[in-house]
Amino acid sequence: MKEKRAGVPESVGGETYLSLVTCGPQLEVALYGDTQRTTSLVRLGGVAPRSTLVLAAADLLIEDAGLTPEAVSRIVVSRGPGSFTGIRAGLATAAGLAAATGAQIQAYDSLLMMAARCGGPGTVWSAQPGRRGEVYARSYEIEEDRAPHALGGIEIVAVDRAAERGPWVAAEALDLGGAERAPTPRSSAEALLRLVMLGVTADPAEPLYVEGPPIHRPDDGP
């Protein structure tokens, strides 16, 4: 689904930004620049964070804007925590696009990204998918026109205990066991762009894992 959005109204100084969200249960790609009145967004509800799908979405947005890939000056990507496969797919896709276009990469913590979806003031818990029955979580203070401020470290929370905290902000497809969710006026891909507009210092374009990837042994079941 391709949408025209107005979630990033600030000027970007003549640059064109492409944001990629791949480390959760929904894939999102957004494009924004000074030549556009609104943010263009593609959101896929599937569970396969394949690089081919991300590239296809990026190509669609760039073509729709009447641009060439070389017009993209910055690629903004979520680096985790979240799905191990999704984190790798997003960073690899960003690196490939940057090599092909000469764009710079800016990477951000996906929990910070989730918090940036919210309006303020208030406090929220951000969640990203963890191991089975768990989420990676972190609490943030939200204020208008400021980057979210972390109130503690990253925690691993059982989904069946999520209702003891909140409100939560997470991908709509992420199961939180009926816990209260905060209103989210912008998508995850738009939230990445918002972090750039707020001047938040980017992280290294490297995976952020809370736990190591699962290890499969020959005697393990499927």
N, C-alpha and C. Protein backbone atom coordinates (compact mmCIF):
# COMPACT_ATOMS: atom_id res chain seq x y z
N MET A 1 0.85 -1.19 0.00
CA MET A 1 0.00 0.00 0.00
C MET A 1 0.88 1.23 0.00
N LYS A 2 0.66 2.14 -0.96
CA LYS A 2 1.40 3.39 -1.02
C LYS A 2 0.50 4.53 -0.57
N GLU A 3 1.00 5.36 0.35
CA GLU A 3 0.22 6.46 0.88
C GLU A 3 0.99 7.76 0.71
N LYS A 4 0.23 8.86 0.63
CA LYS A 4 0.82 10.19 0.72
C LYS A 4 0.54 10.70 2.12
N ARG A 5 1.58 11.10 2.83
CA ARG A 5 1.44 11.48 4.23
C ARG A 5 2.02 12.87 4.45
N ALA A 6 1.62 13.46 5.57
CA ALA A 6 2.15 14.78 5.94
C ALA A 6 2.84 14.72 7.29
N GLY A 7 3.56 13.61 7.55
CA GLY A 7 4.11 13.39 8.88
C GLY A 7 5.44 14.05 9.14
N VAL A 8 6.10 14.62 8.13
CA VAL A 8 7.40 15.25 8.33
C VAL A 8 7.38 16.61 7.65
N PRO A 9 6.81 17.63 8.30
CA PRO A 9 6.62 18.91 7.64
C PRO A 9 7.85 19.80 7.59
N GLU A 10 8.90 19.49 8.32
CA GLU A 10 10.05 20.37 8.39
C GLU A 10 10.85 20.34 7.09
N SER A 11 11.61 21.40 6.83
CA SER A 11 12.49 21.46 5.67
C SER A 11 13.66 20.51 5.86
N VAL A 12 14.12 19.94 4.75
CA VAL A 12 15.27 19.03 4.82
C VAL A 12 16.46 19.60 4.05
N GLY A 13 16.46 20.91 3.84
CA GLY A 13 17.62 21.57 3.26
C GLY A 13 17.97 21.16 1.86
N GLY A 14 16.96 20.87 1.03
CA GLY A 14 17.21 20.51 -0.36
C GLY A 14 17.58 19.07 -0.58
N GLU A 15 17.65 18.27 0.47
CA GLU A 15 18.03 16.87 0.34
C GLU A 15 16.79 15.98 0.23
N THR A 16 17.01 14.77 -0.27
CA THR A 16 15.95 13.77 -0.35
C THR A 16 16.34 12.58 0.52
N TYR A 17 15.41 12.18 1.39
CA TYR A 17 15.66 11.13 2.36
C TYR A 17 14.80 9.91 2.06
N LEU A 18 15.42 8.74 2.20
CA LEU A 18 14.71 7.47 2.09
C LEU A 18 14.88 6.74 3.41
N SER A 19 13.77 6.35 4.05
CA SER A 19 13.87 5.64 5.32
C SER A 19 13.37 4.21 5.17
N LEU A 20 14.05 3.28 5.86
CA LEU A 20 13.77 1.85 5.77
C LEU A 20 13.53 1.28 7.15
N VAL A 21 12.42 0.60 7.33
CA VAL A 21 12.10 -0.06 8.60
C VAL A 21 11.87 -1.54 8.31
N THR A 22 12.75 -2.39 8.81
CA THR A 22 12.67 -3.82 8.47
C THR A 22 12.79 -4.75 9.67
N CYS A 23 12.99 -4.21 10.88
CA CYS A 23 13.31 -5.09 12.01
C CYS A 23 12.10 -5.42 12.88
N GLY A 24 10.90 -5.25 12.33
CA GLY A 24 9.69 -5.62 13.05
C GLY A 24 8.77 -6.41 12.15
N PRO A 25 7.52 -6.61 12.57
CA PRO A 25 6.58 -7.43 11.80
C PRO A 25 5.98 -6.72 10.60
N GLN A 26 6.29 -5.44 10.38
CA GLN A 26 5.82 -4.71 9.21
C GLN A 26 7.00 -4.04 8.52
N LEU A 27 7.03 -4.12 7.21
CA LEU A 27 8.06 -3.42 6.44
C LEU A 27 7.52 -2.05 6.05
N GLU A 28 8.33 -1.02 6.22
CA GLU A 28 7.94 0.32 5.81
C GLU A 28 9.10 1.01 5.10
N VAL A 29 8.78 1.73 4.05
CA VAL A 29 9.75 2.54 3.33
C VAL A 29 9.10 3.89 3.07
N ALA A 30 9.80 4.98 3.35
CA ALA A 30 9.25 6.32 3.14
C ALA A 30 10.26 7.18 2.40
N LEU A 31 9.74 8.14 1.63
CA LEU A 31 10.57 9.07 0.87
C LEU A 31 10.09 10.48 1.15
N TYR A 32 11.04 11.38 1.42
CA TYR A 32 10.67 12.77 1.66
C TYR A 32 11.80 13.69 1.22
N GLY A 33 11.43 14.82 0.64
CA GLY A 33 12.40 15.84 0.24
C GLY A 33 11.70 17.16 0.05
N ASP A 34 12.48 18.20 -0.16
CA ASP A 34 11.92 19.54 -0.33
C ASP A 34 11.07 19.67 -1.59
N THR A 35 11.25 18.77 -2.55
CA THR A 35 10.45 18.83 -3.77
C THR A 35 9.07 18.20 -3.58
N GLN A 36 8.83 17.58 -2.41
CA GLN A 36 7.55 16.93 -2.14
C GLN A 36 6.77 17.69 -1.08
N ARG A 37 5.47 17.75 -1.25
CA ARG A 37 4.62 18.40 -0.26
C ARG A 37 4.31 17.46 0.91
N THR A 38 4.36 16.18 0.66
CA THR A 38 4.06 15.20 1.69
C THR A 38 5.07 14.06 1.64
N THR A 39 5.07 13.25 2.69
CA THR A 39 5.89 12.04 2.71
C THR A 39 5.16 10.94 1.97
N SER A 40 5.86 10.22 1.10
CA SER A 40 5.30 9.04 0.45
C SER A 40 5.72 7.81 1.26
N LEU A 41 4.78 6.91 1.46
CA LEU A 41 5.01 5.77 2.35
C LEU A 41 4.48 4.49 1.73
N VAL A 42 5.29 3.43 1.80
CA VAL A 42 4.86 2.08 1.45
C VAL A 42 4.94 1.24 2.72
N ARG A 43 3.84 0.56 3.03
CA ARG A 43 3.80 -0.31 4.22
C ARG A 43 3.34 -1.69 3.78
N LEU A 44 4.12 -2.70 4.14
CA LEU A 44 3.80 -4.08 3.80
C LEU A 44 3.55 -4.86 5.08
N GLY A 45 2.43 -5.58 5.11
CA GLY A 45 2.06 -6.30 6.32
C GLY A 45 2.58 -7.71 6.40
N GLY A 46 3.41 -8.13 5.43
CA GLY A 46 3.94 -9.48 5.45
C GLY A 46 5.00 -9.66 6.52
N VAL A 47 5.44 -10.90 6.68
CA VAL A 47 6.40 -11.20 7.74
C VAL A 47 7.79 -11.55 7.19
N ALA A 48 7.99 -11.40 5.87
CA ALA A 48 9.28 -11.76 5.27
C ALA A 48 10.04 -10.48 4.93
N PRO A 49 11.03 -10.10 5.74
CA PRO A 49 11.78 -8.86 5.49
C PRO A 49 12.82 -9.02 4.40
N ARG A 50 12.39 -9.40 3.19
CA ARG A 50 13.34 -9.66 2.11
C ARG A 50 13.84 -8.35 1.51
N SER A 51 15.12 -8.33 1.20
CA SER A 51 15.72 -7.14 0.61
C SER A 51 15.06 -6.79 -0.72
N THR A 52 14.61 -7.82 -1.47
CA THR A 52 13.98 -7.55 -2.76
C THR A 52 12.71 -6.74 -2.59
N LEU A 53 11.94 -7.00 -1.54
CA LEU A 53 10.71 -6.24 -1.30
C LEU A 53 11.03 -4.80 -0.92
N VAL A 54 12.05 -4.62 -0.10
CA VAL A 54 12.44 -3.27 0.31
C VAL A 54 12.91 -2.47 -0.90
N LEU A 55 13.71 -3.10 -1.75
CA LEU A 55 14.19 -2.42 -2.95
C LEU A 55 13.05 -2.07 -3.89
N ALA A 56 12.09 -2.99 -4.03
CA ALA A 56 10.95 -2.72 -4.90
C ALA A 56 10.14 -1.54 -4.39
N ALA A 57 9.95 -1.47 -3.07
CA ALA A 57 9.22 -0.35 -2.47
C ALA A 57 9.97 0.96 -2.68
N ALA A 58 11.29 0.92 -2.50
CA ALA A 58 12.10 2.13 -2.70
C ALA A 58 12.03 2.60 -4.15
N ASP A 59 12.12 1.65 -5.09
CA ASP A 59 12.03 2.01 -6.51
C ASP A 59 10.68 2.65 -6.82
N LEU A 60 9.61 2.11 -6.25
CA LEU A 60 8.27 2.65 -6.48
C LEU A 60 8.17 4.09 -6.02
N LEU A 61 8.66 4.37 -4.82
CA LEU A 61 8.57 5.72 -4.27
C LEU A 61 9.42 6.71 -5.07
N ILE A 62 10.61 6.29 -5.45
CA ILE A 62 11.50 7.17 -6.21
C ILE A 62 10.90 7.48 -7.58
N GLU A 63 10.36 6.45 -8.24
CA GLU A 63 9.73 6.67 -9.55
C GLU A 63 8.50 7.56 -9.42
N ASP A 64 7.70 7.32 -8.39
CA ASP A 64 6.49 8.12 -8.17
C ASP A 64 6.82 9.60 -7.97
N ALA A 65 7.96 9.87 -7.35
CA ALA A 65 8.37 11.26 -7.10
C ALA A 65 9.01 11.91 -8.32
N GLY A 66 9.19 11.13 -9.40
CA GLY A 66 9.82 11.67 -10.60
C GLY A 66 11.31 11.87 -10.44
N LEU A 67 11.93 11.06 -9.58
CA LEU A 67 13.35 11.19 -9.30
C LEU A 67 14.12 9.99 -9.84
N THR A 68 15.42 10.08 -9.79
CA THR A 68 16.29 8.94 -10.06
C THR A 68 16.90 8.50 -8.73
N PRO A 69 17.37 7.26 -8.63
CA PRO A 69 17.98 6.80 -7.37
C PRO A 69 19.11 7.70 -6.89
N GLU A 70 19.84 8.30 -7.82
CA GLU A 70 20.96 9.16 -7.45
C GLU A 70 20.52 10.44 -6.75
N ALA A 71 19.22 10.75 -6.82
CA ALA A 71 18.70 11.95 -6.15
C ALA A 71 18.59 11.76 -4.64
N VAL A 72 18.61 10.51 -4.18
CA VAL A 72 18.53 10.24 -2.74
C VAL A 72 19.87 10.57 -2.10
N SER A 73 19.85 11.48 -1.14
CA SER A 73 21.09 11.92 -0.51
C SER A 73 21.37 11.22 0.81
N ARG A 74 20.31 10.78 1.49
CA ARG A 74 20.49 10.10 2.77
C ARG A 74 19.53 8.92 2.88
N ILE A 75 20.04 7.83 3.42
CA ILE A 75 19.23 6.64 3.68
C ILE A 75 19.20 6.44 5.18
N VAL A 76 18.01 6.45 5.75
CA VAL A 76 17.83 6.35 7.20
C VAL A 76 17.24 4.97 7.49
N VAL A 77 17.87 4.22 8.40
CA VAL A 77 17.48 2.83 8.61
C VAL A 77 17.44 2.50 10.09
N SER A 78 16.51 1.61 10.47
CA SER A 78 16.47 1.11 11.84
C SER A 78 17.48 -0.02 11.98
N ARG A 79 18.21 -0.05 13.10
CA ARG A 79 19.30 -1.03 13.25
C ARG A 79 19.04 -2.05 14.34
N GLY A 80 17.83 -2.08 14.91
CA GLY A 80 17.52 -2.99 15.98
C GLY A 80 17.42 -2.26 17.30
N PRO A 81 17.01 -2.97 18.36
CA PRO A 81 16.74 -4.40 18.40
C PRO A 81 15.45 -4.77 17.67
N GLY A 82 15.30 -6.08 17.46
CA GLY A 82 14.13 -6.59 16.77
C GLY A 82 14.46 -7.91 16.11
N SER A 83 13.78 -8.17 15.00
CA SER A 83 14.00 -9.40 14.25
C SER A 83 15.44 -9.46 13.73
N PHE A 84 16.14 -10.56 14.05
CA PHE A 84 17.53 -10.70 13.60
C PHE A 84 17.62 -10.64 12.08
N THR A 85 16.73 -11.39 11.41
CA THR A 85 16.74 -11.40 9.94
C THR A 85 16.41 -10.03 9.39
N GLY A 86 15.43 -9.36 9.99
CA GLY A 86 15.03 -8.04 9.52
C GLY A 86 16.11 -7.00 9.69
N ILE A 87 16.80 -7.04 10.82
CA ILE A 87 17.90 -6.09 11.05
C ILE A 87 18.96 -6.23 9.97
N ARG A 88 19.35 -7.47 9.69
CA ARG A 88 20.38 -7.72 8.68
C ARG A 88 19.91 -7.27 7.30
N ALA A 89 18.64 -7.57 6.98
CA ALA A 89 18.11 -7.21 5.66
C ALA A 89 18.10 -5.70 5.47
N GLY A 90 17.68 -4.97 6.50
CA GLY A 90 17.61 -3.51 6.39
C GLY A 90 18.98 -2.87 6.22
N LEU A 91 19.93 -3.29 7.05
CA LEU A 91 21.26 -2.70 6.97
C LEU A 91 21.97 -3.07 5.67
N ALA A 92 21.78 -4.32 5.21
CA ALA A 92 22.39 -4.73 3.95
C ALA A 92 21.80 -3.97 2.78
N THR A 93 20.47 -3.77 2.81
CA THR A 93 19.82 -3.02 1.74
C THR A 93 20.29 -1.58 1.73
N ALA A 94 20.38 -0.98 2.92
CA ALA A 94 20.86 0.41 3.01
C ALA A 94 22.28 0.53 2.47
N ALA A 95 23.13 -0.43 2.81
CA ALA A 95 24.51 -0.39 2.34
C ALA A 95 24.58 -0.52 0.82
N GLY A 96 23.75 -1.42 0.27
CA GLY A 96 23.73 -1.60 -1.18
C GLY A 96 23.24 -0.36 -1.90
N LEU A 97 22.18 0.26 -1.39
CA LEU A 97 21.66 1.48 -2.00
C LEU A 97 22.67 2.62 -1.90
N ALA A 98 23.34 2.71 -0.76
CA ALA A 98 24.34 3.77 -0.58
C ALA A 98 25.49 3.60 -1.56
N ALA A 99 25.92 2.35 -1.75
CA ALA A 99 27.01 2.09 -2.69
C ALA A 99 26.62 2.44 -4.12
N ALA A 100 25.34 2.21 -4.45
CA ALA A 100 24.87 2.45 -5.81
C ALA A 100 24.59 3.92 -6.09
N THR A 101 24.22 4.67 -5.06
CA THR A 101 23.77 6.06 -5.26
C THR A 101 24.70 7.11 -4.69
N GLY A 102 25.61 6.70 -3.81
CA GLY A 102 26.48 7.66 -3.14
C GLY A 102 25.83 8.32 -1.94
N ALA A 103 24.65 7.85 -1.55
CA ALA A 103 23.94 8.43 -0.40
C ALA A 103 24.65 8.08 0.90
N GLN A 104 24.46 8.91 1.92
CA GLN A 104 24.96 8.63 3.26
C GLN A 104 23.93 7.81 4.03
N ILE A 105 24.42 6.98 4.96
CA ILE A 105 23.53 6.17 5.80
C ILE A 105 23.46 6.76 7.19
N GLN A 106 22.25 6.87 7.73
CA GLN A 106 22.03 7.23 9.12
C GLN A 106 21.20 6.13 9.76
N ALA A 107 21.71 5.54 10.84
CA ALA A 107 21.02 4.44 11.51
C ALA A 107 20.57 4.86 12.90
N TYR A 108 19.41 4.35 13.32
CA TYR A 108 18.86 4.69 14.64
C TYR A 108 18.32 3.45 15.34
N ASP A 109 18.39 3.49 16.66
CA ASP A 109 17.80 2.47 17.53
C ASP A 109 16.31 2.36 17.22
N SER A 110 15.82 1.14 17.02
CA SER A 110 14.42 0.96 16.65
C SER A 110 13.46 1.26 17.79
N LEU A 111 13.90 1.16 19.05
CA LEU A 111 13.03 1.52 20.17
C LEU A 111 12.88 3.04 20.25
N LEU A 112 13.96 3.78 19.99
CA LEU A 112 13.88 5.23 19.91
C LEU A 112 12.96 5.63 18.76
N MET A 113 13.10 4.94 17.64
CA MET A 113 12.24 5.19 16.48
C MET A 113 10.77 5.04 16.85
N MET A 114 10.44 3.96 17.56
CA MET A 114 9.05 3.73 17.96
C MET A 114 8.55 4.87 18.83
N ALA A 115 9.35 5.30 19.79
CA ALA A 115 8.94 6.39 20.67
C ALA A 115 8.70 7.67 19.88
N ALA A 116 9.46 7.87 18.81
CA ALA A 116 9.32 9.08 17.99
C ALA A 116 8.03 9.08 17.17
N ARG A 117 7.31 7.97 17.17
CA ARG A 117 6.00 7.94 16.51
C ARG A 117 4.96 8.72 17.29
N CYS A 118 5.21 8.95 18.57
CA CYS A 118 4.20 9.53 19.46
C CYS A 118 4.30 11.04 19.54
N GLY A 119 3.17 11.67 19.85
CA GLY A 119 3.16 13.08 20.21
C GLY A 119 3.26 13.20 21.72
N GLY A 120 3.61 14.37 22.21
CA GLY A 120 3.78 14.53 23.65
C GLY A 120 2.76 15.48 24.22
N PRO A 121 2.87 15.76 25.50
CA PRO A 121 3.84 15.18 26.44
C PRO A 121 3.31 13.88 27.03
N GLY A 122 4.22 13.10 27.63
CA GLY A 122 3.82 11.87 28.28
C GLY A 122 4.97 10.89 28.34
N THR A 123 4.66 9.70 28.82
CA THR A 123 5.63 8.61 28.92
C THR A 123 5.07 7.39 28.22
N VAL A 124 5.90 6.71 27.44
CA VAL A 124 5.46 5.51 26.74
C VAL A 124 6.52 4.42 26.89
N TRP A 125 6.09 3.20 26.64
CA TRP A 125 7.00 2.06 26.52
C TRP A 125 7.06 1.66 25.05
N SER A 126 8.26 1.61 24.50
CA SER A 126 8.46 1.14 23.13
C SER A 126 8.72 -0.35 23.15
N ALA A 127 8.23 -1.05 22.13
CA ALA A 127 8.42 -2.50 22.05
C ALA A 127 8.85 -2.91 20.65
N GLN A 128 9.74 -3.88 20.61
CA GLN A 128 10.16 -4.53 19.37
C GLN A 128 10.12 -6.04 19.60
N PRO A 129 9.89 -6.83 18.54
CA PRO A 129 9.79 -8.28 18.73
C PRO A 129 11.07 -8.89 19.27
N GLY A 130 10.90 -9.77 20.28
CA GLY A 130 12.02 -10.50 20.84
C GLY A 130 11.86 -11.99 20.55
N ARG A 131 12.38 -12.81 21.45
CA ARG A 131 12.18 -14.25 21.31
C ARG A 131 10.71 -14.57 21.52
N ARG A 132 10.33 -15.80 21.28
CA ARG A 132 8.93 -16.20 21.36
C ARG A 132 8.31 -15.81 22.71
N GLY A 133 7.21 -15.07 22.65
CA GLY A 133 6.51 -14.68 23.86
C GLY A 133 7.12 -13.51 24.60
N GLU A 134 8.11 -12.84 24.00
CA GLU A 134 8.79 -11.72 24.66
C GLU A 134 8.94 -10.54 23.70
N VAL A 135 9.12 -9.37 24.28
CA VAL A 135 9.45 -8.18 23.48
C VAL A 135 10.64 -7.47 24.13
N TYR A 136 11.39 -6.76 23.30
CA TYR A 136 12.42 -5.85 23.81
C TYR A 136 11.72 -4.53 24.08
N ALA A 137 11.97 -3.96 25.25
CA ALA A 137 11.19 -2.79 25.67
C ALA A 137 12.09 -1.74 26.31
N ARG A 138 11.63 -0.49 26.20
CA ARG A 138 12.32 0.62 26.86
C ARG A 138 11.32 1.75 27.07
N SER A 139 11.45 2.42 28.19
CA SER A 139 10.55 3.53 28.53
C SER A 139 11.16 4.85 28.07
N TYR A 140 10.29 5.73 27.54
CA TYR A 140 10.74 7.04 27.05
C TYR A 140 9.81 8.15 27.53
N GLU A 141 10.41 9.30 27.78
CA GLU A 141 9.63 10.52 28.02
C GLU A 141 9.46 11.23 26.68
N ILE A 142 8.22 11.63 26.39
CA ILE A 142 7.91 12.25 25.11
C ILE A 142 7.55 13.71 25.33
N GLU A 143 8.17 14.60 24.57
CA GLU A 143 7.83 16.02 24.56
C GLU A 143 7.70 16.49 23.12
N GLU A 144 6.81 17.45 22.89
CA GLU A 144 6.66 17.99 21.54
C GLU A 144 7.95 18.68 21.10
N ASP A 145 8.29 18.45 19.82
CA ASP A 145 9.43 19.12 19.19
C ASP A 145 10.77 18.79 19.85
N ARG A 146 10.84 17.65 20.54
CA ARG A 146 12.10 17.17 21.10
C ARG A 146 12.21 15.68 20.87
N ALA A 147 13.43 15.20 20.79
CA ALA A 147 13.63 13.76 20.64
C ALA A 147 13.21 13.05 21.92
N PRO A 148 12.66 11.83 21.82
CA PRO A 148 12.31 11.07 23.02
C PRO A 148 13.54 10.86 23.91
N HIS A 149 13.30 10.88 25.22
CA HIS A 149 14.38 10.72 26.19
C HIS A 149 14.20 9.39 26.93
N ALA A 150 15.21 8.51 26.84
CA ALA A 150 15.12 7.20 27.49
C ALA A 150 15.15 7.35 29.00
N LEU A 151 14.27 6.62 29.68
CA LEU A 151 14.18 6.68 31.14
C LEU A 151 14.84 5.49 31.81
N GLY A 152 15.40 4.59 31.05
CA GLY A 152 16.06 3.42 31.60
C GLY A 152 16.68 2.62 30.48
N GLY A 153 17.19 1.44 30.80
CA GLY A 153 17.82 0.60 29.80
C GLY A 153 16.82 -0.27 29.07
N ILE A 154 17.32 -1.04 28.11
CA ILE A 154 16.49 -1.97 27.37
C ILE A 154 16.18 -3.18 28.25
N GLU A 155 14.93 -3.58 28.28
CA GLU A 155 14.49 -4.73 29.07
C GLU A 155 13.86 -5.78 28.16
N ILE A 156 13.82 -7.00 28.65
CA ILE A 156 13.10 -8.08 27.98
C ILE A 156 11.84 -8.34 28.80
N VAL A 157 10.68 -8.15 28.18
CA VAL A 157 9.40 -8.23 28.88
C VAL A 157 8.55 -9.33 28.26
N ALA A 158 7.98 -10.19 29.09
CA ALA A 158 7.07 -11.21 28.61
C ALA A 158 5.78 -10.55 28.12
N VAL A 159 5.28 -11.00 26.98
CA VAL A 159 4.07 -10.40 26.42
C VAL A 159 2.91 -10.49 27.40
N ASP A 160 2.82 -11.59 28.15
CA ASP A 160 1.69 -11.72 29.07
C ASP A 160 1.83 -10.85 30.32
N ARG A 161 2.94 -10.12 30.43
CA ARG A 161 3.10 -9.15 31.53
C ARG A 161 3.10 -7.71 31.02
N ALA A 162 2.92 -7.53 29.72
CA ALA A 162 3.01 -6.18 29.15
C ALA A 162 1.92 -5.26 29.68
N ALA A 163 0.76 -5.81 30.01
CA ALA A 163 -0.35 -4.99 30.49
C ALA A 163 -0.05 -4.34 31.83
N GLU A 164 0.99 -4.81 32.54
CA GLU A 164 1.38 -4.20 33.81
C GLU A 164 2.10 -2.87 33.61
N ARG A 165 2.46 -2.56 32.36
CA ARG A 165 3.13 -1.30 32.04
C ARG A 165 2.34 -0.62 30.92
N GLY A 166 2.86 0.49 30.48
CA GLY A 166 2.22 1.13 29.35
C GLY A 166 1.95 2.60 29.61
N PRO A 167 1.37 3.28 28.63
CA PRO A 167 0.95 2.74 27.33
C PRO A 167 2.14 2.38 26.45
N TRP A 168 1.86 1.53 25.47
CA TRP A 168 2.90 1.00 24.61
C TRP A 168 2.82 1.60 23.21
N VAL A 169 3.96 1.66 22.55
CA VAL A 169 4.00 1.99 21.13
C VAL A 169 4.80 0.89 20.44
N ALA A 170 4.20 0.29 19.43
CA ALA A 170 4.81 -0.84 18.72
C ALA A 170 4.15 -0.95 17.36
N ALA A 171 4.73 -1.76 16.51
CA ALA A 171 4.09 -2.05 15.22
C ALA A 171 2.71 -2.63 15.48
N GLU A 172 1.76 -2.24 14.64
CA GLU A 172 0.39 -2.68 14.85
C GLU A 172 0.27 -4.20 14.82
N ALA A 173 1.15 -4.86 14.08
CA ALA A 173 1.08 -6.31 13.96
C ALA A 173 1.79 -7.04 15.11
N LEU A 174 2.43 -6.30 16.01
CA LEU A 174 3.14 -6.94 17.13
C LEU A 174 2.17 -7.23 18.26
N ASP A 175 2.08 -8.48 18.67
CA ASP A 175 1.18 -8.90 19.74
C ASP A 175 1.69 -8.41 21.09
N LEU A 176 0.86 -7.62 21.78
CA LEU A 176 1.18 -7.15 23.12
C LEU A 176 0.18 -7.65 24.15
N GLY A 177 -0.56 -8.69 23.78
CA GLY A 177 -1.46 -9.31 24.74
C GLY A 177 -2.57 -8.42 25.25
N GLY A 178 -3.03 -7.49 24.47
CA GLY A 178 -4.12 -6.62 24.91
C GLY A 178 -3.69 -5.44 25.76
N ALA A 179 -2.39 -5.19 25.90
CA ALA A 179 -1.92 -4.05 26.69
C ALA A 179 -2.33 -2.74 26.01
N GLU A 180 -2.45 -1.69 26.81
CA GLU A 180 -2.84 -0.38 26.29
C GLU A 180 -1.79 0.15 25.32
N ARG A 181 -2.25 0.74 24.23
CA ARG A 181 -1.35 1.31 23.23
C ARG A 181 -1.53 2.82 23.17
N ALA A 182 -0.42 3.51 22.97
CA ALA A 182 -0.45 4.97 22.85
C ALA A 182 -0.87 5.37 21.44
N PRO A 183 -1.50 6.53 21.29
CA PRO A 183 -1.81 7.03 19.94
C PRO A 183 -0.52 7.30 19.17
N THR A 184 -0.53 7.02 17.87
CA THR A 184 0.67 7.20 17.05
C THR A 184 0.32 8.00 15.80
N PRO A 185 0.57 9.30 15.81
CA PRO A 185 0.24 10.13 14.66
C PRO A 185 1.13 9.94 13.45
N ARG A 186 2.22 9.17 13.59
CA ARG A 186 3.10 8.97 12.44
C ARG A 186 3.55 7.51 12.39
N SER A 187 3.93 7.06 11.21
CA SER A 187 4.41 5.70 11.01
C SER A 187 5.85 5.57 11.51
N SER A 188 6.34 4.34 11.53
CA SER A 188 7.73 4.11 11.95
C SER A 188 8.71 4.74 10.98
N ALA A 189 8.44 4.61 9.68
CA ALA A 189 9.35 5.20 8.68
C ALA A 189 9.36 6.72 8.78
N GLU A 190 8.20 7.32 9.06
CA GLU A 190 8.15 8.76 9.27
C GLU A 190 8.86 9.16 10.56
N ALA A 191 8.80 8.29 11.57
CA ALA A 191 9.48 8.57 12.83
C ALA A 191 11.00 8.62 12.63
N LEU A 192 11.53 7.75 11.78
CA LEU A 192 12.96 7.81 11.46
C LEU A 192 13.31 9.16 10.85
N LEU A 193 12.49 9.61 9.93
CA LEU A 193 12.73 10.92 9.31
C LEU A 193 12.64 12.04 10.34
N ARG A 194 11.72 11.90 11.28
CA ARG A 194 11.56 12.92 12.32
C ARG A 194 12.82 13.01 13.18
N LEU A 195 13.44 11.88 13.49
CA LEU A 195 14.67 11.91 14.28
C LEU A 195 15.76 12.70 13.55
N VAL A 196 15.81 12.54 12.24
CA VAL A 196 16.78 13.31 11.45
C VAL A 196 16.47 14.80 11.55
N MET A 197 15.20 15.16 11.37
CA MET A 197 14.81 16.58 11.40
C MET A 197 15.05 17.22 12.77
N LEU A 198 14.97 16.41 13.82
CA LEU A 198 15.22 16.91 15.17
C LEU A 198 16.71 17.00 15.49
N GLY A 199 17.55 16.57 14.57
CA GLY A 199 18.99 16.66 14.77
C GLY A 199 19.58 15.61 15.69
N VAL A 200 18.89 14.48 15.83
CA VAL A 200 19.39 13.41 16.70
C VAL A 200 20.62 12.77 16.05
N THR A 201 21.69 12.64 16.82
CA THR A 201 22.92 12.03 16.31
C THR A 201 22.68 10.57 15.94
N ALA A 202 23.09 10.19 14.74
CA ALA A 202 22.88 8.83 14.28
C ALA A 202 23.83 7.86 14.97
N ASP A 203 23.42 6.59 15.01
CA ASP A 203 24.24 5.52 15.56
C ASP A 203 25.08 4.90 14.44
N PRO A 204 26.06 4.07 14.80
CA PRO A 204 26.78 3.33 13.76
C PRO A 204 25.80 2.46 12.97
N ALA A 205 26.05 2.29 11.69
CA ALA A 205 25.19 1.46 10.84
C ALA A 205 25.56 -0.01 11.04
N GLU A 206 25.38 -0.47 12.27
CA GLU A 206 25.69 -1.84 12.66
C GLU A 206 24.51 -2.41 13.44
N PRO A 207 24.32 -3.73 13.41
CA PRO A 207 23.18 -4.33 14.11
C PRO A 207 23.24 -4.07 15.61
N LEU A 208 22.08 -3.80 16.19
CA LEU A 208 21.95 -3.68 17.64
C LEU A 208 21.15 -4.88 18.13
N TYR A 209 21.86 -5.86 18.69
CA TYR A 209 21.23 -7.06 19.20
C TYR A 209 21.21 -7.00 20.72
N VAL A 210 20.07 -7.32 21.31
CA VAL A 210 19.99 -7.43 22.76
C VAL A 210 20.49 -8.80 23.19
N GLU A 211 20.17 -9.80 22.40
CA GLU A 211 20.66 -11.16 22.62
C GLU A 211 21.29 -11.63 21.32
N GLY A 212 22.13 -12.65 21.40
CA GLY A 212 22.72 -13.18 20.18
C GLY A 212 21.68 -13.87 19.32
N PRO A 213 21.91 -13.94 18.00
CA PRO A 213 20.99 -14.66 17.13
C PRO A 213 20.86 -16.11 17.55
N PRO A 214 19.71 -16.73 17.32
CA PRO A 214 19.53 -18.13 17.69
C PRO A 214 20.51 -19.03 16.95
N ILE A 215 21.00 -20.05 17.65
CA ILE A 215 21.96 -20.98 17.07
C ILE A 215 21.25 -22.30 16.79
N HIS A 216 21.34 -22.79 15.54
CA HIS A 216 20.75 -24.07 15.18
C HIS A 216 21.82 -25.15 15.19
N ARG A 217 21.56 -26.22 15.90
CA ARG A 217 22.48 -27.36 15.94
C ARG A 217 21.88 -28.49 15.10
N PRO A 218 22.73 -29.38 14.60
CA PRO A 218 22.23 -30.46 13.74
C PRO A 218 21.13 -31.29 14.39
N ASP A 219 21.15 -31.46 15.72
CA ASP A 219 20.16 -32.30 16.37
C ASP A 219 18.92 -31.53 16.81
N ASP A 220 18.88 -30.21 16.50
CA ASP A 220 17.70 -29.42 16.84
C ASP A 220 16.55 -29.78 15.90
N GLY A 221 15.36 -29.64 16.41
CA GLY A 221 14.18 -29.85 15.57
C GLY A 221 14.02 -28.69 14.62
N PRO A 222 13.02 -28.75 13.72
CA PRO A 222 12.79 -27.68 12.77
C PRO A 222 12.36 -26.40 13.45
